[in-house]
Each structure stands twice: as C-alpha cells, then as structure tokens.
C-alpha cells in the first residue's frame, strides 16, 4: 500500500507539472524497479520524492 500511495502522489506531481507521458512512464518504471530491488528503503525515506531518479532522468524534469 505504501508504494501505491507513493505512486499516487508522484502521479499528481507529474500531472500538475505537465510532464510528458513518455517521461512519466520512464519515471514509473524506474521507481518500480527501485521498489522491487530495495523494498522501498530509499524510495519512502524523508528525501525529495524524485531523489532516487538517475541524474539523466531527473534533468529531463527540469
């Protein structure tokens, strides 16, 4: 449930910032891999929500 809540919040943020669908899908896939690999350890810590994104993917959000 925590991951689904995280994705719901992240979806709202990406939608509110009009992020293109293709980029959103890449972000979702990355976060899903992170969750599976680390069981959400760093995904749900008190860091900015996009902290775990690779630099190249994060830069595309700007």
PDB file of N, CA and C in Angstrom:
ATOM      1  N   UNK A   1       0.829  -1.199   0.000  1.00  0.00           N
ATOM      2  CA  UNK A   1       0.000   0.000   0.000  1.00  0.00           C
ATOM      3  C   UNK A   1       0.864   1.249   0.000  1.00  0.00           C
ATOM      4  N   UNK A   2       1.963   1.248   0.723  1.00  0.00           N
ATOM      5  CA  UNK A   2       2.823   2.433   0.754  1.00  0.00           C
ATOM      6  C   UNK A   2       3.286   2.809  -0.647  1.00  0.00           C
ATOM      7  N   UNK A   3       3.669   1.813  -1.428  1.00  0.00           N
ATOM      8  CA  UNK A   3       4.152   2.101  -2.775  1.00  0.00           C
ATOM      9  C   UNK A   3       3.037   2.686  -3.630  1.00  0.00           C
ATOM     10  N   UNK A   4       1.829   2.146  -3.519  1.00  0.00           N
ATOM     11  CA  UNK A   4       0.708   2.670  -4.295  1.00  0.00           C
ATOM     12  C   UNK A   4       0.393   4.110  -3.906  1.00  0.00           C
ATOM     13  N   UNK A   5       0.488   4.420  -2.625  1.00  0.00           N
ATOM     14  CA  UNK A   5       0.278   5.800  -2.180  1.00  0.00           C
ATOM     15  C   UNK A   5       1.369   6.706  -2.733  1.00  0.00           C
ATOM     16  N   UNK A   6       2.589   6.212  -2.708  1.00  0.00           N
ATOM     17  CA  UNK A   6       3.719   6.960  -3.242  1.00  0.00           C
ATOM     18  C   UNK A   6       3.500   7.260  -4.723  1.00  0.00           C
ATOM     19  N   UNK A   7       3.097   6.260  -5.492  1.00  0.00           N
ATOM     20  CA  UNK A   7       2.856   6.438  -6.927  1.00  0.00           C
ATOM     21  C   UNK A   7       1.702   7.414  -7.158  1.00  0.00           C
ATOM     22  N   UNK A   8       0.667   7.348  -6.345  1.00  0.00           N
ATOM     23  CA  UNK A   8      -0.466   8.266  -6.495  1.00  0.00           C
ATOM     24  C   UNK A   8      -0.027   9.712  -6.298  1.00  0.00           C
ATOM     25  N   UNK A   9       0.782   9.956  -5.284  1.00  0.00           N
ATOM     26  CA  UNK A   9       1.283  11.312  -5.032  1.00  0.00           C
ATOM     27  C   UNK A   9       2.210  11.740  -6.165  1.00  0.00           C
ATOM     28  N   UNK A  10       3.091  10.849  -6.571  1.00  0.00           N
ATOM     29  CA  UNK A  10       4.021  11.175  -7.645  1.00  0.00           C
ATOM     30  C   UNK A  10       3.263  11.474  -8.945  1.00  0.00           C
ATOM     31  N   UNK A  11       2.207  10.725  -9.208  1.00  0.00           N
ATOM     32  CA  UNK A  11       1.393  10.953 -10.405  1.00  0.00           C
ATOM     33  C   UNK A  11       0.788  12.351 -10.383  1.00  0.00           C
ATOM     34  N   UNK A  12       0.262  12.750  -9.226  1.00  0.00           N
ATOM     35  CA  UNK A  12      -0.310  14.101  -9.120  1.00  0.00           C
ATOM     36  C   UNK A  12       0.745  15.173  -9.373  1.00  0.00           C
ATOM     37  N   UNK A  13       1.929  14.980  -8.824  1.00  0.00           N
ATOM     38  CA  UNK A  13       3.008  15.956  -9.015  1.00  0.00           C
ATOM     39  C   UNK A  13       3.386  16.046 -10.488  1.00  0.00           C
ATOM     40  N   UNK A  14       3.562  14.902 -11.123  1.00  0.00           N
ATOM     41  CA  UNK A  14       3.948  14.896 -12.537  1.00  0.00           C
ATOM     42  C   UNK A  14       2.846  15.494 -13.407  1.00  0.00           C
ATOM     43  N   UNK A  15       1.593  15.166 -13.117  1.00  0.00           N
ATOM     44  CA  UNK A  15       0.473  15.722 -13.881  1.00  0.00           C
ATOM     45  C   UNK A  15       0.363  17.229 -13.687  1.00  0.00           C
ATOM     46  N   UNK A  16       0.499  17.686 -12.451  1.00  0.00           N
ATOM     47  CA  UNK A  16       0.407  19.122 -12.169  1.00  0.00           C
ATOM     48  C   UNK A  16       1.504  19.910 -12.868  1.00  0.00           C
ATOM     49  N   UNK A  17       2.633  19.257 -13.117  1.00  0.00           N
ATOM     50  CA  UNK A  17       3.747  19.920 -13.792  1.00  0.00           C
ATOM     51  C   UNK A  17       3.788  19.626 -15.285  1.00  0.00           C
ATOM     52  N   UNK A  18       2.720  19.006 -15.787  1.00  0.00           N
ATOM     53  CA  UNK A  18       2.558  18.731 -17.218  1.00  0.00           C
ATOM     54  C   UNK A  18       3.758  17.990 -17.826  1.00  0.00           C
ATOM     55  N   UNK A  19       4.219  16.981 -17.116  1.00  0.00           N
ATOM     56  CA  UNK A  19       5.329  16.160 -17.590  1.00  0.00           C
ATOM     57  C   UNK A  19       4.802  15.257 -18.708  1.00  0.00           C
ATOM     58  N   UNK A  20       5.510  15.164 -19.830  1.00  0.00           N
ATOM     59  CA  UNK A  20       5.056  14.318 -20.945  1.00  0.00           C
ATOM     60  C   UNK A  20       4.871  12.854 -20.519  1.00  0.00           C
ATOM     61  N   UNK A  21       3.891  12.213 -21.130  1.00  0.00           N
ATOM     62  CA  UNK A  21       3.546  10.832 -20.778  1.00  0.00           C
ATOM     63  C   UNK A  21       4.739   9.884 -20.905  1.00  0.00           C
ATOM     64  N   UNK A  22       5.521  10.013 -21.960  1.00  0.00           N
ATOM     65  CA  UNK A  22       6.667   9.113 -22.156  1.00  0.00           C
ATOM     66  C   UNK A  22       7.666   9.236 -21.005  1.00  0.00           C
ATOM     67  N   UNK A  23       7.907  10.449 -20.548  1.00  0.00           N
ATOM     68  CA  UNK A  23       8.832  10.663 -19.432  1.00  0.00           C
ATOM     69  C   UNK A  23       8.235  10.118 -18.133  1.00  0.00           C
ATOM     70  N   UNK A  24       6.934  10.322 -17.937  1.00  0.00           N
ATOM     71  CA  UNK A  24       6.280   9.772 -16.743  1.00  0.00           C
ATOM     72  C   UNK A  24       6.424   8.256 -16.705  1.00  0.00           C
ATOM     73  N   UNK A  25       6.245   7.598 -17.840  1.00  0.00           N
ATOM     74  CA  UNK A  25       6.365   6.141 -17.881  1.00  0.00           C
ATOM     75  C   UNK A  25       7.770   5.689 -17.511  1.00  0.00           C
ATOM     76  N   UNK A  26       8.774   6.409 -17.977  1.00  0.00           N
ATOM     77  CA  UNK A  26      10.158   6.071 -17.621  1.00  0.00           C
ATOM     78  C   UNK A  26      10.380   6.219 -16.120  1.00  0.00           C
ATOM     79  N   UNK A  27       9.819   7.273 -15.547  1.00  0.00           N
ATOM     80  CA  UNK A  27       9.958   7.509 -14.109  1.00  0.00           C
ATOM     81  C   UNK A  27       9.250   6.401 -13.329  1.00  0.00           C
ATOM     82  N   UNK A  28       8.033   6.040 -13.736  1.00  0.00           N
ATOM     83  CA  UNK A  28       7.296   4.971 -13.057  1.00  0.00           C
ATOM     84  C   UNK A  28       8.061   3.655 -13.110  1.00  0.00           C
ATOM     85  N   UNK A  29       8.602   3.331 -14.279  1.00  0.00           N
ATOM     86  CA  UNK A  29       9.357   2.077 -14.416  1.00  0.00           C
ATOM     87  C   UNK A  29      10.573   2.072 -13.504  1.00  0.00           C
ATOM     88  N   UNK A  30      11.268   3.204 -13.455  1.00  0.00           N
ATOM     89  CA  UNK A  30      12.444   3.282 -12.591  1.00  0.00           C
ATOM     90  C   UNK A  30      12.045   3.108 -11.128  1.00  0.00           C
ATOM     91  N   UNK A  31      11.008   3.807 -10.691  1.00  0.00           N
ATOM     92  CA  UNK A  31      10.570   3.714  -9.303  1.00  0.00           C
ATOM     93  C   UNK A  31      10.104   2.299  -8.961  1.00  0.00           C
ATOM     94  N   UNK A  32       9.447   1.644  -9.907  1.00  0.00           N
ATOM     95  CA  UNK A  32       9.010   0.273  -9.665  1.00  0.00           C
ATOM     96  C   UNK A  32      10.215  -0.654  -9.489  1.00  0.00           C
ATOM     97  N   UNK A  33      11.239  -0.480 -10.314  1.00  0.00           N
ATOM     98  CA  UNK A  33      12.458  -1.277 -10.161  1.00  0.00           C
ATOM     99  C   UNK A  33      13.128  -0.998  -8.820  1.00  0.00           C
ATOM    100  N   UNK A  34      13.189   0.274  -8.431  1.00  0.00           N
ATOM    101  CA  UNK A  34      13.772   0.632  -7.141  1.00  0.00           C
ATOM    102  C   UNK A  34      13.009  -0.043  -6.006  1.00  0.00           C
ATOM    103  N   UNK A  35      11.693  -0.010  -6.084  1.00  0.00           N
ATOM    104  CA  UNK A  35      10.867  -0.597  -5.037  1.00  0.00           C
ATOM    105  C   UNK A  35      11.120  -2.097  -4.942  1.00  0.00           C
ATOM    106  N   UNK A  36      11.167  -2.765  -6.083  1.00  0.00           N
ATOM    107  CA  UNK A  36      11.388  -4.210  -6.084  1.00  0.00           C
ATOM    108  C   UNK A  36      12.778  -4.555  -5.562  1.00  0.00           C
ATOM    109  N   UNK A  37      13.758  -3.766  -5.947  1.00  0.00           N
ATOM    110  CA  UNK A  37      15.143  -4.046  -5.562  1.00  0.00           C
ATOM    111  C   UNK A  37      15.398  -3.764  -4.083  1.00  0.00           C
ATOM    112  N   UNK A  38      14.909  -2.637  -3.611  1.00  0.00           N
ATOM    113  CA  UNK A  38      15.209  -2.193  -2.242  1.00  0.00           C
ATOM    114  C   UNK A  38      14.035  -2.302  -1.289  1.00  0.00           C
ATOM    115  N   UNK A  39      12.918  -2.767  -1.780  1.00  0.00           N
ATOM    116  CA  UNK A  39      11.690  -2.838  -0.976  1.00  0.00           C
ATOM    117  C   UNK A  39      11.310  -1.469  -0.423  1.00  0.00           C
ATOM    118  N   UNK A  40      11.580  -0.439  -1.211  1.00  0.00           N
ATOM    119  CA  UNK A  40      11.174   0.904  -0.840  1.00  0.00           C
ATOM    120  C   UNK A  40      12.057   1.595   0.165  1.00  0.00           C
ATOM    121  N   UNK A  41      13.196   0.999   0.512  1.00  0.00           N
ATOM    122  CA  UNK A  41      14.041   1.563   1.572  1.00  0.00           C
ATOM    123  C   UNK A  41      14.332   3.039   1.350  1.00  0.00           C
ATOM    124  N   UNK A  42      14.885   3.391   0.202  1.00  0.00           N
ATOM    125  CA  UNK A  42      15.198   4.808   0.000  1.00  0.00           C
ATOM    126  C   UNK A  42      14.056   5.552  -0.676  1.00  0.00           C
ATOM    127  N   UNK A  43      13.163   4.826  -1.335  1.00  0.00           N
ATOM    128  CA  UNK A  43      12.056   5.475  -2.030  1.00  0.00           C
ATOM    129  C   UNK A  43      11.148   6.218  -1.056  1.00  0.00           C
ATOM    130  N   UNK A  44      10.951   5.683   0.137  1.00  0.00           N
ATOM    131  CA  UNK A  44       9.992   6.283   1.066  1.00  0.00           C
ATOM    132  C   UNK A  44      10.644   6.994   2.246  1.00  0.00           C
ATOM    133  N   UNK A  45      11.929   7.223   2.185  1.00  0.00           N
ATOM    134  CA  UNK A  45      12.589   7.967   3.262  1.00  0.00           C
ATOM    135  C   UNK A  45      12.247   9.451   3.137  1.00  0.00           C
ATOM    136  N   UNK A  46      12.734  10.236   4.063  1.00  0.00           N
ATOM    137  CA  UNK A  46      12.415  11.662   4.072  1.00  0.00           C
ATOM    138  C   UNK A  46      13.330  12.439   3.136  1.00  0.00           C
ATOM    139  N   UNK A  47      13.297  12.089   1.896  1.00  0.00           N
ATOM    140  CA  UNK A  47      14.053  12.782   0.857  1.00  0.00           C
ATOM    141  C   UNK A  47      13.038  13.329  -0.141  1.00  0.00           C
ATOM    142  N   UNK A  48      13.451  14.281  -0.960  1.00  0.00           N
ATOM    143  CA  UNK A  48      12.541  14.719  -2.019  1.00  0.00           C
ATOM    144  C   UNK A  48      12.097  13.514  -2.843  1.00  0.00           C
ATOM    145  N   UNK A  49      10.876  13.530  -3.292  1.00  0.00           N
ATOM    146  CA  UNK A  49      10.282  12.372  -3.939  1.00  0.00           C
ATOM    147  C   UNK A  49      11.067  11.872  -5.147  1.00  0.00           C
ATOM    148  N   UNK A  50      11.676  12.740  -5.894  1.00  0.00           N
ATOM    149  CA  UNK A  50      12.389  12.335  -7.105  1.00  0.00           C
ATOM    150  C   UNK A  50      13.873  12.080  -6.853  1.00  0.00           C
ATOM    151  N   UNK A  51      14.278  12.039  -5.617  1.00  0.00           N
ATOM    152  CA  UNK A  51      15.692  11.902  -5.244  1.00  0.00           C
ATOM    153  C   UNK A  51      16.359  10.692  -5.864  1.00  0.00           C
ATOM    154  N   UNK A  52      15.638   9.592  -5.965  1.00  0.00           N
ATOM    155  CA  UNK A  52      16.212   8.336  -6.429  1.00  0.00           C
ATOM    156  C   UNK A  52      16.383   8.249  -7.940  1.00  0.00           C
ATOM    157  N   UNK A  53      15.836   9.195  -8.681  1.00  0.00           N
ATOM    158  CA  UNK A  53      15.962   9.130 -10.134  1.00  0.00           C
ATOM    159  C   UNK A  53      17.418   9.279 -10.558  1.00  0.00           C
ATOM    160  N   UNK A  54      17.813   8.583 -11.624  1.00  0.00           N
ATOM    161  CA  UNK A  54      19.154   8.805 -12.161  1.00  0.00           C
ATOM    162  C   UNK A  54      19.274  10.259 -12.630  1.00  0.00           C
ATOM    163  N   UNK A  55      20.471  10.808 -12.599  1.00  0.00           N
ATOM    164  CA  UNK A  55      20.681  12.217 -12.964  1.00  0.00           C
ATOM    165  C   UNK A  55      20.090  12.558 -14.325  1.00  0.00           C
ATOM    166  N   UNK A  56      20.331  11.703 -15.294  1.00  0.00           N
ATOM    167  CA  UNK A  56      19.859  11.982 -16.659  1.00  0.00           C
ATOM    168  C   UNK A  56      18.336  12.085 -16.711  1.00  0.00           C
ATOM    169  N   UNK A  57      17.654  11.206 -16.014  1.00  0.00           N
ATOM    170  CA  UNK A  57      16.195  11.235 -15.980  1.00  0.00           C
ATOM    171  C   UNK A  57      15.700  12.438 -15.178  1.00  0.00           C
ATOM    172  N   UNK A  58      16.350  12.731 -14.068  1.00  0.00           N
ATOM    173  CA  UNK A  58      15.980  13.889 -13.250  1.00  0.00           C
ATOM    174  C   UNK A  58      16.141  15.192 -14.033  1.00  0.00           C
ATOM    175  N   UNK A  59      17.205  15.306 -14.812  1.00  0.00           N
ATOM    176  CA  UNK A  59      17.452  16.519 -15.591  1.00  0.00           C
ATOM    177  C   UNK A  59      16.341  16.770 -16.609  1.00  0.00           C
ATOM    178  N   UNK A  60      15.726  15.718 -17.102  1.00  0.00           N
ATOM    179  CA  UNK A  60      14.648  15.880 -18.078  1.00  0.00           C
ATOM    180  C   UNK A  60      13.390  16.466 -17.452  1.00  0.00           C
ATOM    181  N   UNK A  61      13.298  16.428 -16.135  1.00  0.00           N
ATOM    182  CA  UNK A  61      12.152  17.025 -15.448  1.00  0.00           C
ATOM    183  C   UNK A  61      12.259  18.541 -15.376  1.00  0.00           C
ATOM    184  N   UNK A  62      13.439  19.053 -15.520  1.00  0.00           N
ATOM    185  CA  UNK A  62      13.637  20.500 -15.372  1.00  0.00           C
ATOM    186  C   UNK A  62      13.240  21.254 -16.588  1.00  0.00           C
TER     187      UNK A  62
END
